[in-house]
Amino acid sequence: LLANVVSGKLCAVGPWTLTAGMLVFPLAFVLTDVMHDRHGAAFVQQLSWVTAGLQVVAYCLIQIVLVLPVATGSP
């Protein structure tokens, strides 16, 4: 979820230009692998479905926030 939210930011890493999501995604991959080793495949599958649902909720909330009117005097 975090990788999707921050992927709009471009970062210079050495000679490469990457999205911030590309930096966050490997951490999520490693954490999923650790969860699989500790709790099993069924747990990770359930975790994946919960994460997908949370991404849908986050997307909807972000879209709602984007259409809110800007306060007077806000930069």
C-alpha atoms as a PDB file:
ATOM      1  CA  LEU A   1       0.000   0.000   0.000  1.00  0.00           C
ATOM      2  CA  LEU A   2       2.784   2.387   0.909  1.00  0.00           C
ATOM      3  CA  ALA A   3       4.644   1.622  -2.327  1.00  0.00           C
ATOM      4  CA  ASN A   4       1.556   2.573  -4.321  1.00  0.00           C
ATOM      5  CA  VAL A   5       1.035   5.816  -2.421  1.00  0.00           C
ATOM      6  CA  VAL A   6       4.636   7.042  -2.676  1.00  0.00           C
ATOM      7  CA  SER A   7       5.253   5.898  -6.247  1.00  0.00           C
ATOM      8  CA  GLY A   8       4.512   9.377  -7.599  1.00  0.00           C
ATOM      9  CA  LYS A   9       7.802  10.662  -6.171  1.00  0.00           C
ATOM     10  CA  LEU A  10      10.844  10.356  -8.424  1.00  0.00           C
ATOM     11  CA  CYS A  11      14.202   9.838  -6.701  1.00  0.00           C
ATOM     12  CA  ALA A  12      17.763   9.995  -7.989  1.00  0.00           C
ATOM     13  CA  VAL A  13      19.684   6.915  -6.847  1.00  0.00           C
ATOM     14  CA  GLY A  14      23.159   7.119  -8.310  1.00  0.00           C
ATOM     15  CA  PRO A  15      22.795   7.394 -12.080  1.00  0.00           C
ATOM     16  CA  TRP A  16      19.205   6.061 -12.031  1.00  0.00           C
ATOM     17  CA  THR A  17      15.889   7.813 -11.620  1.00  0.00           C
ATOM     18  CA  LEU A  18      13.474   5.594  -9.708  1.00  0.00           C
ATOM     19  CA  THR A  19      10.044   5.995  -8.198  1.00  0.00           C
ATOM     20  CA  ALA A  20       9.942   5.927  -4.404  1.00  0.00           C
ATOM     21  CA  GLY A  21       7.671   2.894  -4.706  1.00  0.00           C
ATOM     22  CA  MET A  22      10.550   0.942  -6.230  1.00  0.00           C
ATOM     23  CA  LEU A  23      12.505   1.562  -3.047  1.00  0.00           C
ATOM     24  CA  VAL A  24       9.642   0.492  -0.754  1.00  0.00           C
ATOM     25  CA  PHE A  25       8.551  -2.603  -2.717  1.00  0.00           C
ATOM     26  CA  PRO A  26      11.625  -4.766  -1.915  1.00  0.00           C
ATOM     27  CA  LEU A  27      10.951  -4.284   1.800  1.00  0.00           C
ATOM     28  CA  ALA A  28       7.364  -5.468   1.318  1.00  0.00           C
ATOM     29  CA  PHE A  29       8.617  -8.468  -0.658  1.00  0.00           C
ATOM     30  CA  VAL A  30      11.063  -9.467   2.094  1.00  0.00           C
ATOM     31  CA  LEU A  31       8.412  -9.013   4.805  1.00  0.00           C
ATOM     32  CA  THR A  32       5.982 -11.212   2.855  1.00  0.00           C
ATOM     33  CA  ASP A  33       8.683 -13.882   2.543  1.00  0.00           C
ATOM     34  CA  VAL A  34       9.372 -13.740   6.284  1.00  0.00           C
ATOM     35  CA  MET A  35       5.642 -14.022   7.030  1.00  0.00           C
ATOM     36  CA  HIS A  36       5.426 -17.050   4.739  1.00  0.00           C
ATOM     37  CA  ASP A  37       8.299 -18.746   6.559  1.00  0.00           C
ATOM     38  CA  ARG A  38       6.880 -17.994  10.023  1.00  0.00           C
ATOM     39  CA  HIS A  39       3.110 -18.374   9.470  1.00  0.00           C
ATOM     40  CA  GLY A  40       2.627 -20.381   6.260  1.00  0.00           C
ATOM     41  CA  ALA A  41       1.109 -19.910   2.853  1.00  0.00           C
ATOM     42  CA  ALA A  42      -2.520 -19.686   4.023  1.00  0.00           C
ATOM     43  CA  PHE A  43      -1.697 -16.740   6.294  1.00  0.00           C
ATOM     44  CA  VAL A  44       0.149 -14.902   3.515  1.00  0.00           C
ATOM     45  CA  GLN A  45      -2.731 -15.496   1.094  1.00  0.00           C
ATOM     46  CA  GLN A  46      -5.179 -14.037   3.622  1.00  0.00           C
ATOM     47  CA  LEU A  47      -2.790 -11.151   4.253  1.00  0.00           C
ATOM     48  CA  SER A  48      -2.610 -10.501   0.496  1.00  0.00           C
ATOM     49  CA  TRP A  49      -6.418 -10.288   0.237  1.00  0.00           C
ATOM     50  CA  VAL A  50      -6.587  -7.923   3.214  1.00  0.00           C
ATOM     51  CA  THR A  51      -3.865  -5.779   1.653  1.00  0.00           C
ATOM     52  CA  ALA A  52      -5.723  -5.663  -1.678  1.00  0.00           C
ATOM     53  CA  GLY A  53      -8.864  -4.563   0.139  1.00  0.00           C
ATOM     54  CA  LEU A  54      -6.951  -1.879   2.008  1.00  0.00           C
ATOM     55  CA  GLN A  55      -5.565  -0.585  -1.290  1.00  0.00           C
ATOM     56  CA  VAL A  56      -9.111  -0.206  -2.626  1.00  0.00           C
ATOM     57  CA  VAL A  57     -10.168   1.632   0.547  1.00  0.00           C
ATOM     58  CA  ALA A  58      -7.084   3.871   0.400  1.00  0.00           C
ATOM     59  CA  TYR A  59      -7.732   4.667  -3.273  1.00  0.00           C
ATOM     60  CA  CYS A  60     -11.330   5.631  -2.518  1.00  0.00           C
ATOM     61  CA  LEU A  61     -10.315   7.825   0.420  1.00  0.00           C
ATOM     62  CA  ILE A  62      -7.608   9.533  -1.634  1.00  0.00           C
ATOM     63  CA  GLN A  63     -10.128  10.267  -4.407  1.00  0.00           C
ATOM     64  CA  ILE A  64     -12.561  11.741  -1.866  1.00  0.00           C
ATOM     65  CA  VAL A  65      -9.832  13.960  -0.386  1.00  0.00           C
ATOM     66  CA  LEU A  66      -8.825  15.164  -3.852  1.00  0.00           C
ATOM     67  CA  VAL A  67     -12.303  16.515  -4.587  1.00  0.00           C
ATOM     68  CA  LEU A  68     -12.656  18.365  -1.268  1.00  0.00           C
ATOM     69  CA  PRO A  69     -12.657  22.136  -1.696  1.00  0.00           C
ATOM     70  CA  VAL A  70      -9.440  23.932  -0.838  1.00  0.00           C
ATOM     71  CA  ALA A  71      -9.626  26.259   2.163  1.00  0.00           C
ATOM     72  CA  THR A  72      -9.360  29.976   1.511  1.00  0.00           C
ATOM     73  CA  GLY A  73      -5.808  31.163   2.107  1.00  0.00           C
ATOM     74  CA  SER A  74      -4.289  27.704   1.656  1.00  0.00           C
ATOM     75  CA  PRO A  75      -1.123  27.655  -0.458  1.00  0.00           C
END
